[in-house]
C-alpha atoms as a PDB file:
ATOM      1  CA  MET A   1      25.303 -73.698 158.715  1.00  0.00           C
ATOM      2  CA  PRO A   2      24.243 -70.469 156.972  1.00  0.00           C
ATOM      3  CA  VAL A   3      25.849 -69.588 153.664  1.00  0.00           C
ATOM      4  CA  GLU A   4      28.627 -67.000 153.762  1.00  0.00           C
ATOM      5  CA  ILE A   5      28.018 -64.279 151.160  1.00  0.00           C
ATOM      6  CA  ARG A   6      30.831 -61.876 150.330  1.00  0.00           C
ATOM      7  CA  ILE A   7      30.125 -58.953 148.024  1.00  0.00           C
ATOM      8  CA  GLY A   8      32.895 -56.670 146.776  1.00  0.00           C
ATOM      9  CA  THR A   9      34.329 -54.985 143.725  1.00  0.00           C
ATOM     10  CA  GLN A  10      36.838 -55.841 141.043  1.00  0.00           C
ATOM     11  CA  GLY A  11      39.849 -53.891 142.249  1.00  0.00           C
ATOM     12  CA  TRP A  12      40.207 -50.997 144.674  1.00  0.00           C
ATOM     13  CA  ASN A  13      42.879 -48.732 143.218  1.00  0.00           C
ATOM     14  CA  TYR A  14      40.757 -46.073 141.489  1.00  0.00           C
ATOM     15  CA  ASP A  15      41.471 -42.364 141.889  1.00  0.00           C
ATOM     16  CA  ALA A  16      37.942 -41.598 140.656  1.00  0.00           C
ATOM     17  CA  TRP A  17      36.564 -43.157 143.837  1.00  0.00           C
ATOM     18  CA  VAL A  18      38.097 -40.406 145.970  1.00  0.00           C
ATOM     19  CA  GLY A  19      35.173 -38.209 146.957  1.00  0.00           C
ATOM     20  CA  PRO A  20      32.212 -40.437 146.036  1.00  0.00           C
ATOM     21  CA  PHE A  21      33.591 -43.424 147.995  1.00  0.00           C
ATOM     22  CA  TYR A  22      36.988 -42.821 149.570  1.00  0.00           C
ATOM     23  CA  PRO A  23      36.994 -39.719 151.794  1.00  0.00           C
ATOM     24  CA  THR A  24      38.484 -36.646 150.148  1.00  0.00           C
ATOM     25  CA  GLY A  25      42.216 -36.600 150.678  1.00  0.00           C
ATOM     26  CA  THR A  26      42.616 -40.380 150.961  1.00  0.00           C
ATOM     27  CA  ARG A  27      46.045 -41.396 149.696  1.00  0.00           C
ATOM     28  CA  PRO A  28      46.378 -44.294 147.227  1.00  0.00           C
ATOM     29  CA  SER A  29      48.448 -46.164 149.809  1.00  0.00           C
ATOM     30  CA  ASP A  30      45.384 -46.099 152.095  1.00  0.00           C
ATOM     31  CA  PHE A  31      42.812 -47.134 149.490  1.00  0.00           C
ATOM     32  CA  LEU A  32      42.828 -50.832 150.419  1.00  0.00           C
ATOM     33  CA  THR A  33      42.571 -50.186 154.150  1.00  0.00           C
ATOM     34  CA  VAL A  34      39.612 -47.843 153.683  1.00  0.00           C
ATOM     35  CA  TYR A  35      38.012 -50.209 151.167  1.00  0.00           C
ATOM     36  CA  SER A  36      38.174 -53.038 153.713  1.00  0.00           C
ATOM     37  CA  ARG A  37      35.994 -51.045 156.107  1.00  0.00           C
ATOM     38  CA  ALA A  38      33.148 -51.191 153.600  1.00  0.00           C
ATOM     39  CA  PHE A  39      33.623 -54.642 152.049  1.00  0.00           C
ATOM     40  CA  ASP A  40      35.080 -57.907 153.307  1.00  0.00           C
ATOM     41  CA  SER A  41      36.443 -59.155 149.985  1.00  0.00           C
ATOM     42  CA  VAL A  42      37.925 -57.931 146.717  1.00  0.00           C
ATOM     43  CA  GLU A  43      38.856 -59.433 143.377  1.00  0.00           C
ATOM     44  CA  VAL A  44      42.473 -58.636 142.510  1.00  0.00           C
ATOM     45  CA  ASP A  45      42.985 -57.843 138.833  1.00  0.00           C
ATOM     46  CA  SER A  46      46.724 -57.137 139.002  1.00  0.00           C
ATOM     47  CA  THR A  47      47.582 -60.818 139.440  1.00  0.00           C
ATOM     48  CA  PHE A  48      46.293 -61.386 135.896  1.00  0.00           C
ATOM     49  CA  TYR A  49      49.312 -59.455 134.651  1.00  0.00           C
ATOM     50  CA  ALA A  50      52.022 -60.669 137.031  1.00  0.00           C
ATOM     51  CA  VAL A  51      52.628 -62.899 140.028  1.00  0.00           C
ATOM     52  CA  PRO A  52      52.592 -60.623 143.094  1.00  0.00           C
ATOM     53  CA  ALA A  53      55.826 -60.238 145.028  1.00  0.00           C
ATOM     54  CA  GLU A  54      56.014 -61.623 148.553  1.00  0.00           C
ATOM     55  CA  THR A  55      56.246 -58.068 149.875  1.00  0.00           C
ATOM     56  CA  THR A  56      53.005 -57.222 148.057  1.00  0.00           C
ATOM     57  CA  ILE A  57      51.238 -60.196 149.615  1.00  0.00           C
ATOM     58  CA  ARG A  58      52.424 -59.160 153.078  1.00  0.00           C
ATOM     59  CA  SER A  59      51.251 -55.610 152.432  1.00  0.00           C
ATOM     60  CA  TRP A  60      47.766 -56.813 151.499  1.00  0.00           C
ATOM     61  CA  VAL A  61      47.586 -58.903 154.654  1.00  0.00           C
ATOM     62  CA  ASP A  62      48.841 -56.086 156.873  1.00  0.00           C
ATOM     63  CA  ARG A  63      46.459 -53.481 155.449  1.00  0.00           C
ATOM     64  CA  THR A  64      43.259 -55.491 155.872  1.00  0.00           C
ATOM     65  CA  PRO A  65      41.419 -56.726 158.983  1.00  0.00           C
ATOM     66  CA  LYS A  66      40.989 -60.280 160.134  1.00  0.00           C
ATOM     67  CA  GLY A  67      38.383 -62.068 158.056  1.00  0.00           C
ATOM     68  CA  PHE A  68      39.065 -60.123 154.861  1.00  0.00           C
ATOM     69  CA  VAL A  69      39.435 -62.289 151.739  1.00  0.00           C
ATOM     70  CA  PHE A  70      41.232 -61.762 148.419  1.00  0.00           C
ATOM     71  CA  ALA A  71      40.119 -63.475 145.219  1.00  0.00           C
ATOM     72  CA  LEU A  72      43.042 -63.684 142.791  1.00  0.00           C
ATOM     73  CA  LYS A  73      43.032 -63.969 139.010  1.00  0.00           C
ATOM     74  CA  LEU A  74      45.355 -66.578 137.562  1.00  0.00           C
ATOM     75  CA  PRO A  75      48.067 -64.886 135.436  1.00  0.00           C
ATOM     76  CA  GLN A  76      47.358 -64.451 131.732  1.00  0.00           C
ATOM     77  CA  GLU A  77      50.661 -66.181 131.037  1.00  0.00           C
ATOM     78  CA  ILE A  78      48.900 -69.394 132.020  1.00  0.00           C
ATOM     79  CA  THR A  79      45.393 -68.721 130.699  1.00  0.00           C
ATOM     80  CA  HIS A  80      46.009 -66.742 127.521  1.00  0.00           C
ATOM     81  CA  GLU A  81      49.613 -67.354 126.501  1.00  0.00           C
ATOM     82  CA  HIS A  82      50.008 -71.029 127.447  1.00  0.00           C
ATOM     83  CA  ARG A  83      46.247 -71.688 127.166  1.00  0.00           C
ATOM     84  CA  LEU A  84      46.423 -73.865 130.302  1.00  0.00           C
ATOM     85  CA  ARG A  85      49.214 -75.983 128.754  1.00  0.00           C
ATOM     86  CA  ASP A  86      51.606 -75.149 131.543  1.00  0.00           C
ATOM     87  CA  SER A  87      54.980 -76.780 130.994  1.00  0.00           C
ATOM     88  CA  THR A  88      56.961 -74.188 132.947  1.00  0.00           C
ATOM     89  CA  GLY A  89      55.442 -74.754 136.382  1.00  0.00           C
ATOM     90  CA  ALA A  90      53.982 -71.244 136.394  1.00  0.00           C
ATOM     91  CA  SER A  91      50.649 -72.331 137.870  1.00  0.00           C
ATOM     92  CA  GLU A  92      52.302 -74.250 140.732  1.00  0.00           C
ATOM     93  CA  ALA A  93      54.491 -71.221 141.478  1.00  0.00           C
ATOM     94  CA  PHE A  94      51.444 -68.959 141.498  1.00  0.00           C
ATOM     95  CA  PHE A  95      49.500 -71.271 143.800  1.00  0.00           C
ATOM     96  CA  GLU A  96      52.418 -71.326 146.243  1.00  0.00           C
ATOM     97  CA  ARG A  97      52.608 -67.532 146.270  1.00  0.00           C
ATOM     98  CA  ALA A  98      48.828 -67.264 146.716  1.00  0.00           C
ATOM     99  CA  ARG A  99      48.972 -69.545 149.759  1.00  0.00           C
ATOM    100  CA  GLN A 100      51.058 -66.885 151.501  1.00  0.00           C
ATOM    101  CA  LEU A 101      47.800 -65.001 152.040  1.00  0.00           C
ATOM    102  CA  GLY A 102      46.905 -67.689 154.572  1.00  0.00           C
ATOM    103  CA  ASP A 103      43.308 -67.515 155.722  1.00  0.00           C
ATOM    104  CA  LYS A 104      42.831 -64.350 153.641  1.00  0.00           C
ATOM    105  CA  LEU A 105      43.058 -66.337 150.411  1.00  0.00           C
ATOM    106  CA  GLY A 106      39.713 -66.719 148.703  1.00  0.00           C
ATOM    107  CA  PRO A 107      38.998 -68.327 145.325  1.00  0.00           C
ATOM    108  CA  ILE A 108      41.388 -68.220 142.387  1.00  0.00           C
ATOM    109  CA  LEU A 109      39.709 -67.198 139.144  1.00  0.00           C
ATOM    110  CA  VAL A 110      40.796 -68.851 135.908  1.00  0.00           C
ATOM    111  CA  GLN A 111      39.567 -66.356 133.302  1.00  0.00           C
ATOM    112  CA  MET A 112      39.721 -67.777 129.789  1.00  0.00           C
ATOM    113  CA  GLY A 113      39.434 -65.656 126.667  1.00  0.00           C
ATOM    114  CA  PRO A 114      36.613 -65.883 124.113  1.00  0.00           C
ATOM    115  CA  ASP A 115      39.040 -67.542 121.684  1.00  0.00           C
ATOM    116  CA  PHE A 116      39.521 -70.506 124.036  1.00  0.00           C
ATOM    117  CA  HIS A 117      37.316 -73.017 122.223  1.00  0.00           C
ATOM    118  CA  PRO A 118      35.821 -76.354 123.311  1.00  0.00           C
ATOM    119  CA  ALA A 119      38.233 -78.079 120.906  1.00  0.00           C
ATOM    120  CA  GLU A 120      40.849 -77.370 123.572  1.00  0.00           C
ATOM    121  CA  LEU A 121      39.088 -79.611 126.091  1.00  0.00           C
ATOM    122  CA  PRO A 122      42.201 -81.817 126.590  1.00  0.00           C
ATOM    123  CA  ALA A 123      44.107 -78.784 127.892  1.00  0.00           C
ATOM    124  CA  LEU A 124      41.286 -78.017 130.327  1.00  0.00           C
ATOM    125  CA  VAL A 125      41.129 -81.612 131.547  1.00  0.00           C
ATOM    126  CA  ASP A 126      44.886 -81.729 132.074  1.00  0.00           C
ATOM    127  CA  PHE A 127      44.847 -78.447 133.987  1.00  0.00           C
ATOM    128  CA  ILE A 128      41.936 -79.466 136.201  1.00  0.00           C
ATOM    129  CA  THR A 129      43.631 -82.706 137.190  1.00  0.00           C
ATOM    130  CA  ARG A 130      46.690 -80.716 138.330  1.00  0.00           C
ATOM    131  CA  VAL A 131      44.812 -78.168 140.437  1.00  0.00           C
ATOM    132  CA  PRO A 132      45.570 -78.545 144.170  1.00  0.00           C
ATOM    133  CA  ARG A 133      42.569 -79.742 146.110  1.00  0.00           C
ATOM    134  CA  ASP A 134      43.184 -77.320 148.986  1.00  0.00           C
ATOM    135  CA  LEU A 135      42.376 -74.295 146.813  1.00  0.00           C
ATOM    136  CA  ARG A 136      39.030 -72.937 145.676  1.00  0.00           C
ATOM    137  CA  ILE A 137      39.124 -72.601 141.894  1.00  0.00           C
ATOM    138  CA  ALA A 138      36.541 -70.906 139.672  1.00  0.00           C
ATOM    139  CA  ILE A 139      36.777 -70.926 135.890  1.00  0.00           C
ATOM    140  CA  GLU A 140      35.228 -68.368 133.560  1.00  0.00           C
ATOM    141  CA  PHE A 141      34.417 -69.314 129.975  1.00  0.00           C
ATOM    142  CA  ARG A 142      33.689 -66.669 127.375  1.00  0.00           C
ATOM    143  CA  HIS A 143      32.783 -69.080 124.595  1.00  0.00           C
ATOM    144  CA  ARG A 144      29.246 -70.444 124.742  1.00  0.00           C
ATOM    145  CA  GLY A 145      30.328 -73.867 123.550  1.00  0.00           C
ATOM    146  CA  TRP A 146      31.773 -74.654 126.969  1.00  0.00           C
ATOM    147  CA  ILE A 147      28.359 -74.565 128.604  1.00  0.00           C
ATOM    148  CA  SER A 148      27.460 -78.231 128.261  1.00  0.00           C
ATOM    149  CA  ASP A 149      26.402 -81.064 130.537  1.00  0.00           C
ATOM    150  CA  GLY A 150      29.750 -82.784 130.000  1.00  0.00           C
ATOM    151  CA  VAL A 151      31.821 -79.776 131.028  1.00  0.00           C
ATOM    152  CA  LEU A 152      29.584 -79.062 134.019  1.00  0.00           C
ATOM    153  CA  ALA A 153      29.993 -82.680 135.108  1.00  0.00           C
ATOM    154  CA  LEU A 154      33.775 -82.391 134.744  1.00  0.00           C
ATOM    155  CA  LEU A 155      33.856 -79.290 136.932  1.00  0.00           C
ATOM    156  CA  SER A 156      31.580 -80.923 139.500  1.00  0.00           C
ATOM    157  CA  GLU A 157      33.846 -83.964 139.715  1.00  0.00           C
ATOM    158  CA  HIS A 158      36.716 -81.716 140.780  1.00  0.00           C
ATOM    159  CA  ASN A 159      34.700 -79.210 142.873  1.00  0.00           C
ATOM    160  CA  ILE A 160      35.555 -76.340 140.528  1.00  0.00           C
ATOM    161  CA  ALA A 161      33.024 -73.528 140.256  1.00  0.00           C
ATOM    162  CA  LEU A 162      31.734 -72.304 136.937  1.00  0.00           C
ATOM    163  CA  ALA A 163      32.055 -68.526 137.245  1.00  0.00           C
ATOM    164  CA  LEU A 164      28.686 -66.894 136.594  1.00  0.00           C
ATOM    165  CA  VAL A 165      29.252 -63.740 134.566  1.00  0.00           C
ATOM    166  CA  ASP A 166      26.869 -60.936 133.688  1.00  0.00           C
ATOM    167  CA  GLY A 167      28.659 -59.708 130.572  1.00  0.00           C
ATOM    168  CA  ARG A 168      28.536 -59.697 126.815  1.00  0.00           C
ATOM    169  CA  TRP A 169      29.736 -63.240 126.140  1.00  0.00           C
ATOM    170  CA  ILE A 170      26.972 -65.520 127.401  1.00  0.00           C
ATOM    171  CA  PRO A 171      23.336 -64.379 127.861  1.00  0.00           C
ATOM    172  CA  ARG A 172      22.336 -63.341 131.359  1.00  0.00           C
ATOM    173  CA  ARG A 173      19.314 -65.641 131.353  1.00  0.00           C
ATOM    174  CA  GLN A 174      21.591 -68.621 130.728  1.00  0.00           C
ATOM    175  CA  MET A 175      23.928 -67.593 133.520  1.00  0.00           C
ATOM    176  CA  LEU A 176      21.021 -67.111 135.908  1.00  0.00           C
ATOM    177  CA  ALA A 177      19.744 -70.583 135.036  1.00  0.00           C
ATOM    178  CA  LEU A 178      23.181 -72.045 135.721  1.00  0.00           C
ATOM    179  CA  ALA A 179      23.057 -70.586 139.216  1.00  0.00           C
ATOM    180  CA  ALA A 180      20.662 -73.411 140.032  1.00  0.00           C
ATOM    181  CA  ARG A 181      23.292 -75.971 138.944  1.00  0.00           C
ATOM    182  CA  PRO A 182      26.387 -75.243 141.044  1.00  0.00           C
ATOM    183  CA  THR A 183      29.452 -77.294 140.176  1.00  0.00           C
ATOM    184  CA  ALA A 184      31.239 -76.697 143.485  1.00  0.00           C
ATOM    185  CA  ASP A 185      30.493 -76.117 147.146  1.00  0.00           C
ATOM    186  CA  PHE A 186      30.915 -72.382 146.505  1.00  0.00           C
ATOM    187  CA  ALA A 187      29.692 -69.939 143.869  1.00  0.00           C
ATOM    188  CA  TYR A 188      31.590 -67.166 142.095  1.00  0.00           C
ATOM    189  CA  ILE A 189      29.780 -64.303 140.344  1.00  0.00           C
ATOM    190  CA  ARG A 190      31.182 -61.429 138.271  1.00  0.00           C
ATOM    191  CA  TRP A 191      29.080 -58.440 137.228  1.00  0.00           C
ATOM    192  CA  MET A 192      30.928 -57.061 134.198  1.00  0.00           C
ATOM    193  CA  GLY A 193      28.439 -55.121 132.080  1.00  0.00           C
ATOM    194  CA  PRO A 194      27.806 -55.374 128.332  1.00  0.00           C
ATOM    195  CA  ASN A 195      30.772 -53.271 127.193  1.00  0.00           C
ATOM    196  CA  ARG A 196      33.574 -50.952 128.310  1.00  0.00           C
ATOM    197  CA  ASP A 197      32.004 -47.672 127.207  1.00  0.00           C
ATOM    198  CA  LEU A 198      31.843 -46.287 130.735  1.00  0.00           C
ATOM    199  CA  VAL A 199      35.069 -44.476 131.544  1.00  0.00           C
ATOM    200  CA  ASP A 200      33.923 -42.223 134.402  1.00  0.00           C
ATOM    201  CA  TYR A 201      34.110 -44.389 137.523  1.00  0.00           C
ATOM    202  CA  SER A 202      32.982 -41.698 139.954  1.00  0.00           C
ATOM    203  CA  ARG A 203      29.227 -42.162 139.629  1.00  0.00           C
ATOM    204  CA  VAL A 204      26.493 -44.586 138.642  1.00  0.00           C
ATOM    205  CA  GLN A 205      25.471 -43.960 135.040  1.00  0.00           C
ATOM    206  CA  VAL A 206      23.346 -47.025 134.255  1.00  0.00           C
ATOM    207  CA  ASP A 207      20.377 -48.194 136.304  1.00  0.00           C
ATOM    208  CA  ARG A 208      21.042 -51.848 137.117  1.00  0.00           C
ATOM    209  CA  SER A 209      18.290 -52.288 139.704  1.00  0.00           C
ATOM    210  CA  ALA A 210      16.543 -54.963 137.622  1.00  0.00           C
ATOM    211  CA  GLU A 211      19.770 -56.944 137.267  1.00  0.00           C
ATOM    212  CA  VAL A 212      20.557 -56.540 140.967  1.00  0.00           C
ATOM    213  CA  GLU A 213      17.116 -57.898 141.841  1.00  0.00           C
ATOM    214  CA  ALA A 214      17.418 -60.860 139.461  1.00  0.00           C
ATOM    215  CA  TRP A 215      20.873 -61.823 140.692  1.00  0.00           C
ATOM    216  CA  SER A 216      19.936 -61.317 144.334  1.00  0.00           C
ATOM    217  CA  ASP A 217      17.030 -63.703 143.861  1.00  0.00           C
ATOM    218  CA  ALA A 218      19.427 -66.220 142.286  1.00  0.00           C
ATOM    219  CA  ILE A 219      21.871 -65.823 145.176  1.00  0.00           C
ATOM    220  CA  GLU A 220      19.129 -66.397 147.724  1.00  0.00           C
ATOM    221  CA  ALA A 221      17.975 -69.470 145.816  1.00  0.00           C
ATOM    222  CA  MET A 222      21.457 -70.996 145.669  1.00  0.00           C
ATOM    223  CA  SER A 223      22.151 -70.272 149.331  1.00  0.00           C
ATOM    224  CA  SER A 224      20.883 -73.715 150.255  1.00  0.00           C
ATOM    225  CA  THR A 225      23.177 -75.506 147.796  1.00  0.00           C
ATOM    226  CA  VAL A 226      26.594 -73.932 148.507  1.00  0.00           C
ATOM    227  CA  THR A 227      28.511 -72.858 151.608  1.00  0.00           C
ATOM    228  CA  HIS A 228      30.125 -69.686 150.230  1.00  0.00           C
ATOM    229  CA  ILE A 229      29.144 -67.142 147.584  1.00  0.00           C
ATOM    230  CA  TYR A 230      31.593 -64.569 146.240  1.00  0.00           C
ATOM    231  CA  GLY A 231      30.377 -61.724 144.026  1.00  0.00           C
ATOM    232  CA  TYR A 232      32.391 -58.882 142.497  1.00  0.00           C
ATOM    233  CA  VAL A 233      31.176 -55.804 140.614  1.00  0.00           C
ATOM    234  CA  ALA A 234      33.181 -54.130 137.838  1.00  0.00           C
ATOM    235  CA  ASN A 235      33.058 -50.378 137.304  1.00  0.00           C
ATOM    236  CA  HIS A 236      31.761 -51.028 133.795  1.00  0.00           C
ATOM    237  CA  PHE A 237      28.597 -52.628 135.153  1.00  0.00           C
ATOM    238  CA  SER A 238      26.946 -49.373 136.263  1.00  0.00           C
ATOM    239  CA  GLY A 239      29.766 -46.808 136.310  1.00  0.00           C
ATOM    240  CA  HIS A 240      30.712 -46.872 140.005  1.00  0.00           C
ATOM    241  CA  SER A 241      31.045 -50.357 141.444  1.00  0.00           C
ATOM    242  CA  PRO A 242      31.070 -49.520 145.181  1.00  0.00           C
ATOM    243  CA  ALA A 243      27.536 -48.150 144.903  1.00  0.00           C
ATOM    244  CA  THR A 244      26.302 -51.248 143.097  1.00  0.00           C
ATOM    245  CA  ALA A 245      28.050 -53.521 145.593  1.00  0.00           C
ATOM    246  CA  ARG A 246      26.286 -51.705 148.428  1.00  0.00           C
ATOM    247  CA  GLU A 247      23.010 -52.131 146.538  1.00  0.00           C
ATOM    248  CA  PHE A 248      23.614 -55.873 146.441  1.00  0.00           C
ATOM    249  CA  GLN A 249      24.474 -55.906 150.142  1.00  0.00           C
ATOM    250  CA  ALA A 250      21.225 -54.138 151.027  1.00  0.00           C
ATOM    251  CA  ARG A 251      19.169 -56.394 148.780  1.00  0.00           C
ATOM    252  CA  LEU A 252      20.735 -59.475 150.401  1.00  0.00           C
ATOM    253  CA  GLY A 253      19.999 -58.303 153.942  1.00  0.00           C
ATOM    254  CA  GLN A 254      23.526 -57.127 154.746  1.00  0.00           C
ATOM    255  CA  THR A 255      24.303 -53.723 156.235  1.00  0.00           C
ATOM    256  CA  PRO A 256      26.151 -51.491 153.758  1.00  0.00           C
ATOM    257  CA  VAL A 257      28.658 -48.967 155.104  1.00  0.00           C
ATOM    258  CA  ALA A 258      27.897 -45.510 153.742  1.00  0.00           C
ATOM    259  CA  PRO A 259      30.899 -43.625 152.298  1.00  0.00           C
ATOM    260  CA  ASP A 260      30.476 -40.745 154.752  1.00  0.00           C
ATOM    261  CA  LEU A 261      30.994 -43.180 157.621  1.00  0.00           C
ATOM    262  CA  LEU A 262      34.350 -44.248 156.210  1.00  0.00           C
ATOM    263  CA  GLY A 263      35.669 -40.790 156.994  1.00  0.00           C
ATOM    264  CA  GLU A 264      34.517 -41.100 160.598  1.00  0.00           C
ATOM    265  CA  GLN A 265      36.213 -44.472 160.863  1.00  0.00           C
ATOM    266  CA  MET A 266      39.419 -42.998 159.461  1.00  0.00           C
ATOM    267  CA  SER A 267      39.505 -40.454 162.273  1.00  0.00           C
ATOM    268  CA  LEU A 268      39.637 -43.304 164.775  1.00  0.00           C
ATOM    269  CA  PHE A 269      42.961 -44.581 163.433  1.00  0.00           C
END
């Protein structure tokens, strides 16, 4: 069975995308619907700050086509405040809410901060043993000490993906090498960029063609070892993530939807 590769962006609610990506005049309430005509998945950042209401979940489902998938970030209350030591049942409550997406639920990203050190391994072990087996979970470490054979073996035992991140915390070459050692039956990739200096999200300002080529090669290589690959581009990676996501799609043999065609599709609705 061929691997399923989903490329998207981190978030969709950006006014700066109106014009270069969303057709001029697109209302914020229509952003997600228009986005879903170009990409079949998105990473939701807002869930990092709060558990989405049931009405929000229903809205996401209603505004996207069949086959669209949402990747959700676990709330910071669990990852950063409780540091995975969840005694309040917050993670179970979040998982239950996430399940309301039905077949539109993709992976759940557990994004840990750079101050989450390997000395806190017992908290990680306890959390992993409580994760429901019916969910796809990816965990992102921002401290290099977590990248060890023991931790990779722990993740593999529980079919939890090590999130591969092109950012400032762990060298790209190390992340690319880890692509050859998947810890789950799916892969999760985040293209973050080295810093947050880029504040104009309307255009590409950094040439990332070399990085796109390197990561595309890694994706093609891992396609025989996993069943699903999810990859999400941040605006800080090149300046305008939809353009970079389309570049990945083209490099991987997919057919990108040009922004000017989104306007034509809008006229059909």
